[in-house]
Amino acid sequence: MIELGAVVLIVIGFAHSWLGERVVLQPLVKASLPRGPLPWQLMYPILRFGWHLGTLGWLALAAILLGLAPALVGGAFALLSALVVFSVNRRHLAWPLFLVSGLALLTGAGYVDSDSLLVAGWLKIGRAHV
């Protein structure tokens, strides 16, 4: 039954993404929206990322239910989020936080060797340097 629940979450994730693009996001692009504090060219990618982040969340939950390690899934989710935010808007404050979170999760769970990271000094807090 867990597999069935995970498959349903995967279907929900893809339906959320596909329908959201067509029913919510694309009509917003075509609508004449009032001006906000940010230009529309900056707001739309942020809104789009936030929408699809929900889809990634459902897929991540399904992966954990199917037996993948939570730290691996969370780390991959955070690193993917960092990459997407960075590619959309390098000035956005979230991408460095996602990056640190993903690296910390993967390093703490032993998937990444902290000595091989360029930011190894950040991740060695509390550990003696030899």
C-alpha atoms as a PDB file:
ATOM      1  CA  MET A   1       0.000   0.000   0.000  1.00  0.00           C
ATOM      2  CA  ILE A   2       2.914   2.354   0.608  1.00  0.00           C
ATOM      3  CA  GLU A   3       3.950   1.935  -3.038  1.00  0.00           C
ATOM      4  CA  LEU A   4       0.424   2.819  -4.143  1.00  0.00           C
ATOM      5  CA  GLY A   5       0.469   5.926  -1.966  1.00  0.00           C
ATOM      6  CA  ALA A   6       3.847   6.932  -3.409  1.00  0.00           C
ATOM      7  CA  VAL A   7       2.661   6.409  -6.998  1.00  0.00           C
ATOM      8  CA  VAL A   8      -0.422   8.540  -6.328  1.00  0.00           C
ATOM      9  CA  LEU A   9       1.847  11.300  -4.953  1.00  0.00           C
ATOM     10  CA  ILE A  10       3.941  11.120  -8.128  1.00  0.00           C
ATOM     11  CA  VAL A  11       0.806  11.436 -10.273  1.00  0.00           C
ATOM     12  CA  ILE A  12      -0.380  14.348  -8.130  1.00  0.00           C
ATOM     13  CA  GLY A  13       3.010  16.032  -8.522  1.00  0.00           C
ATOM     14  CA  PHE A  14       3.052  15.796 -12.301  1.00  0.00           C
ATOM     15  CA  ALA A  15      -0.624  16.790 -12.580  1.00  0.00           C
ATOM     16  CA  HIS A  16       0.014  19.767 -10.293  1.00  0.00           C
ATOM     17  CA  SER A  17       2.869  20.926 -12.488  1.00  0.00           C
ATOM     18  CA  TRP A  18       1.201  20.340 -15.846  1.00  0.00           C
ATOM     19  CA  LEU A  19      -2.204  21.733 -14.911  1.00  0.00           C
ATOM     20  CA  GLY A  20      -0.687  24.622 -12.972  1.00  0.00           C
ATOM     21  CA  GLU A  21       1.254  25.750 -16.040  1.00  0.00           C
ATOM     22  CA  ARG A  22      -1.853  25.698 -18.208  1.00  0.00           C
ATOM     23  CA  VAL A  23      -4.603  26.751 -15.809  1.00  0.00           C
ATOM     24  CA  VAL A  24      -2.821  29.105 -13.397  1.00  0.00           C
ATOM     25  CA  LEU A  25       0.557  30.371 -14.595  1.00  0.00           C
ATOM     26  CA  GLN A  26      -0.052  30.894 -18.324  1.00  0.00           C
ATOM     27  CA  PRO A  27      -3.300  32.842 -17.723  1.00  0.00           C
ATOM     28  CA  LEU A  28      -1.355  35.058 -15.298  1.00  0.00           C
ATOM     29  CA  VAL A  29       1.136  35.833 -18.036  1.00  0.00           C
ATOM     30  CA  LYS A  30      -1.657  36.797 -20.420  1.00  0.00           C
ATOM     31  CA  ALA A  31      -3.541  38.867 -17.833  1.00  0.00           C
ATOM     32  CA  SER A  32      -2.692  42.488 -17.321  1.00  0.00           C
ATOM     33  CA  LEU A  33      -1.587  42.438 -13.718  1.00  0.00           C
ATOM     34  CA  PRO A  34      -1.116  45.571 -11.650  1.00  0.00           C
ATOM     35  CA  ARG A  35       2.448  46.667 -11.071  1.00  0.00           C
ATOM     36  CA  GLY A  36       4.016  45.399  -7.873  1.00  0.00           C
ATOM     37  CA  PRO A  37       7.235  46.185  -6.041  1.00  0.00           C
ATOM     38  CA  LEU A  38       9.165  43.957  -8.490  1.00  0.00           C
ATOM     39  CA  PRO A  39       9.081  44.005 -12.278  1.00  0.00           C
ATOM     40  CA  TRP A  40       6.922  41.264 -13.812  1.00  0.00           C
ATOM     41  CA  GLN A  41       9.986  39.780 -15.553  1.00  0.00           C
ATOM     42  CA  LEU A  42      11.375  39.059 -12.070  1.00  0.00           C
ATOM     43  CA  MET A  43       8.111  38.125 -10.321  1.00  0.00           C
ATOM     44  CA  TYR A  44       6.951  35.538 -12.868  1.00  0.00           C
ATOM     45  CA  PRO A  45       9.997  33.219 -12.592  1.00  0.00           C
ATOM     46  CA  ILE A  46       9.791  33.401  -8.785  1.00  0.00           C
ATOM     47  CA  LEU A  47       6.082  32.563  -8.861  1.00  0.00           C
ATOM     48  CA  ARG A  48       6.738  29.752 -11.333  1.00  0.00           C
ATOM     49  CA  PHE A  49       9.521  28.318  -9.174  1.00  0.00           C
ATOM     50  CA  GLY A  50       7.324  28.455  -6.079  1.00  0.00           C
ATOM     51  CA  TRP A  51       4.544  26.655  -7.913  1.00  0.00           C
ATOM     52  CA  HIS A  52       6.795  23.856  -9.156  1.00  0.00           C
ATOM     53  CA  LEU A  53       8.542  23.589  -5.788  1.00  0.00           C
ATOM     54  CA  GLY A  54       5.291  22.063  -4.541  1.00  0.00           C
ATOM     55  CA  THR A  55       5.560  19.430  -7.263  1.00  0.00           C
ATOM     56  CA  LEU A  56       9.129  18.642  -6.247  1.00  0.00           C
ATOM     57  CA  GLY A  57       7.960  18.324  -2.655  1.00  0.00           C
ATOM     58  CA  TRP A  58       5.392  15.657  -3.592  1.00  0.00           C
ATOM     59  CA  LEU A  59       8.017  13.785  -5.622  1.00  0.00           C
ATOM     60  CA  ALA A  60      10.498  13.975  -2.745  1.00  0.00           C
ATOM     61  CA  LEU A  61       7.916  12.616  -0.308  1.00  0.00           C
ATOM     62  CA  ALA A  62       7.156   9.755  -2.713  1.00  0.00           C
ATOM     63  CA  ALA A  63      10.890   8.973  -2.995  1.00  0.00           C
ATOM     64  CA  ILE A  64      11.200   8.785   0.796  1.00  0.00           C
ATOM     65  CA  LEU A  65       8.126   6.539   1.012  1.00  0.00           C
ATOM     66  CA  LEU A  66       9.692   4.263  -1.610  1.00  0.00           C
ATOM     67  CA  GLY A  67      12.725   3.799   0.601  1.00  0.00           C
ATOM     68  CA  LEU A  68      15.261   6.427  -0.394  1.00  0.00           C
ATOM     69  CA  ALA A  69      17.105   7.957   2.523  1.00  0.00           C
ATOM     70  CA  PRO A  70      15.475  11.192   3.725  1.00  0.00           C
ATOM     71  CA  ALA A  71      18.830  13.019   3.942  1.00  0.00           C
ATOM     72  CA  LEU A  72      19.657  12.039   0.356  1.00  0.00           C
ATOM     73  CA  VAL A  73      16.264  13.154  -0.928  1.00  0.00           C
ATOM     74  CA  GLY A  74      16.316  16.363   1.128  1.00  0.00           C
ATOM     75  CA  GLY A  75      19.860  17.175   0.052  1.00  0.00           C
ATOM     76  CA  ALA A  76      19.076  16.597  -3.619  1.00  0.00           C
ATOM     77  CA  PHE A  77      15.855  18.630  -3.275  1.00  0.00           C
ATOM     78  CA  ALA A  78      17.741  21.537  -1.687  1.00  0.00           C
ATOM     79  CA  LEU A  79      20.564  21.461  -4.264  1.00  0.00           C
ATOM     80  CA  LEU A  80      18.096  21.338  -7.151  1.00  0.00           C
ATOM     81  CA  SER A  81      16.226  24.260  -5.612  1.00  0.00           C
ATOM     82  CA  ALA A  82      19.498  26.199  -5.284  1.00  0.00           C
ATOM     83  CA  LEU A  83      20.321  25.549  -8.936  1.00  0.00           C
ATOM     84  CA  VAL A  84      16.900  26.645 -10.148  1.00  0.00           C
ATOM     85  CA  VAL A  85      16.797  29.809  -8.030  1.00  0.00           C
ATOM     86  CA  PHE A  86      20.365  30.705  -9.043  1.00  0.00           C
ATOM     87  CA  SER A  87      19.581  30.221 -12.732  1.00  0.00           C
ATOM     88  CA  VAL A  88      16.441  32.369 -12.486  1.00  0.00           C
ATOM     89  CA  ASN A  89      17.772  35.177 -10.294  1.00  0.00           C
ATOM     90  CA  ARG A  90      21.312  35.198  -8.953  1.00  0.00           C
ATOM     91  CA  ARG A  91      20.463  38.045  -6.569  1.00  0.00           C
ATOM     92  CA  HIS A  92      17.722  36.050  -4.814  1.00  0.00           C
ATOM     93  CA  LEU A  93      18.606  35.321  -1.193  1.00  0.00           C
ATOM     94  CA  ALA A  94      17.284  31.747  -1.193  1.00  0.00           C
ATOM     95  CA  TRP A  95      19.850  30.014  -3.415  1.00  0.00           C
ATOM     96  CA  PRO A  96      22.793  30.229  -0.974  1.00  0.00           C
ATOM     97  CA  LEU A  97      20.551  28.931   1.814  1.00  0.00           C
ATOM     98  CA  PHE A  98      19.358  26.014  -0.311  1.00  0.00           C
ATOM     99  CA  LEU A  99      22.979  25.317  -1.274  1.00  0.00           C
ATOM    100  CA  VAL A 100      24.217  25.229   2.325  1.00  0.00           C
ATOM    101  CA  SER A 101      21.224  23.105   3.373  1.00  0.00           C
ATOM    102  CA  GLY A 102      21.749  20.571   0.599  1.00  0.00           C
ATOM    103  CA  LEU A 103      25.492  20.279   1.181  1.00  0.00           C
ATOM    104  CA  ALA A 104      25.011  19.984   4.942  1.00  0.00           C
ATOM    105  CA  LEU A 105      22.402  17.233   4.559  1.00  0.00           C
ATOM    106  CA  LEU A 106      24.475  15.238   2.082  1.00  0.00           C
ATOM    107  CA  THR A 107      27.680  15.708   4.065  1.00  0.00           C
ATOM    108  CA  GLY A 108      26.091  14.943   7.431  1.00  0.00           C
ATOM    109  CA  ALA A 109      24.612  11.717   6.054  1.00  0.00           C
ATOM    110  CA  GLY A 110      27.946  10.692   4.551  1.00  0.00           C
ATOM    111  CA  TYR A 111      26.996  11.022   0.871  1.00  0.00           C
ATOM    112  CA  VAL A 112      29.554  13.786   0.288  1.00  0.00           C
ATOM    113  CA  ASP A 113      33.032  13.893   1.787  1.00  0.00           C
ATOM    114  CA  SER A 114      33.412  17.282   3.424  1.00  0.00           C
ATOM    115  CA  ASP A 115      37.132  17.320   2.612  1.00  0.00           C
ATOM    116  CA  SER A 116      36.336  17.286  -1.105  1.00  0.00           C
ATOM    117  CA  LEU A 117      34.066  20.330  -0.965  1.00  0.00           C
ATOM    118  CA  LEU A 118      35.291  23.791  -1.794  1.00  0.00           C
ATOM    119  CA  VAL A 119      33.267  25.009   1.175  1.00  0.00           C
ATOM    120  CA  ALA A 120      34.604  22.320   3.510  1.00  0.00           C
ATOM    121  CA  GLY A 121      35.544  24.938   6.098  1.00  0.00           C
ATOM    122  CA  TRP A 122      31.862  25.856   6.514  1.00  0.00           C
ATOM    123  CA  LEU A 123      30.888  22.256   7.141  1.00  0.00           C
ATOM    124  CA  LYS A 124      33.646  21.414   9.628  1.00  0.00           C
ATOM    125  CA  ILE A 125      32.231  23.463  12.459  1.00  0.00           C
ATOM    126  CA  GLY A 126      32.970  21.749  15.724  1.00  0.00           C
ATOM    127  CA  ARG A 127      35.433  19.296  14.182  1.00  0.00           C
ATOM    128  CA  ALA A 128      39.150  19.445  14.933  1.00  0.00           C
ATOM    129  CA  HIS A 129      41.306  20.452  11.991  1.00  0.00           C
ATOM    130  CA  VAL A 130      44.313  18.219  11.582  1.00  0.00           C
END
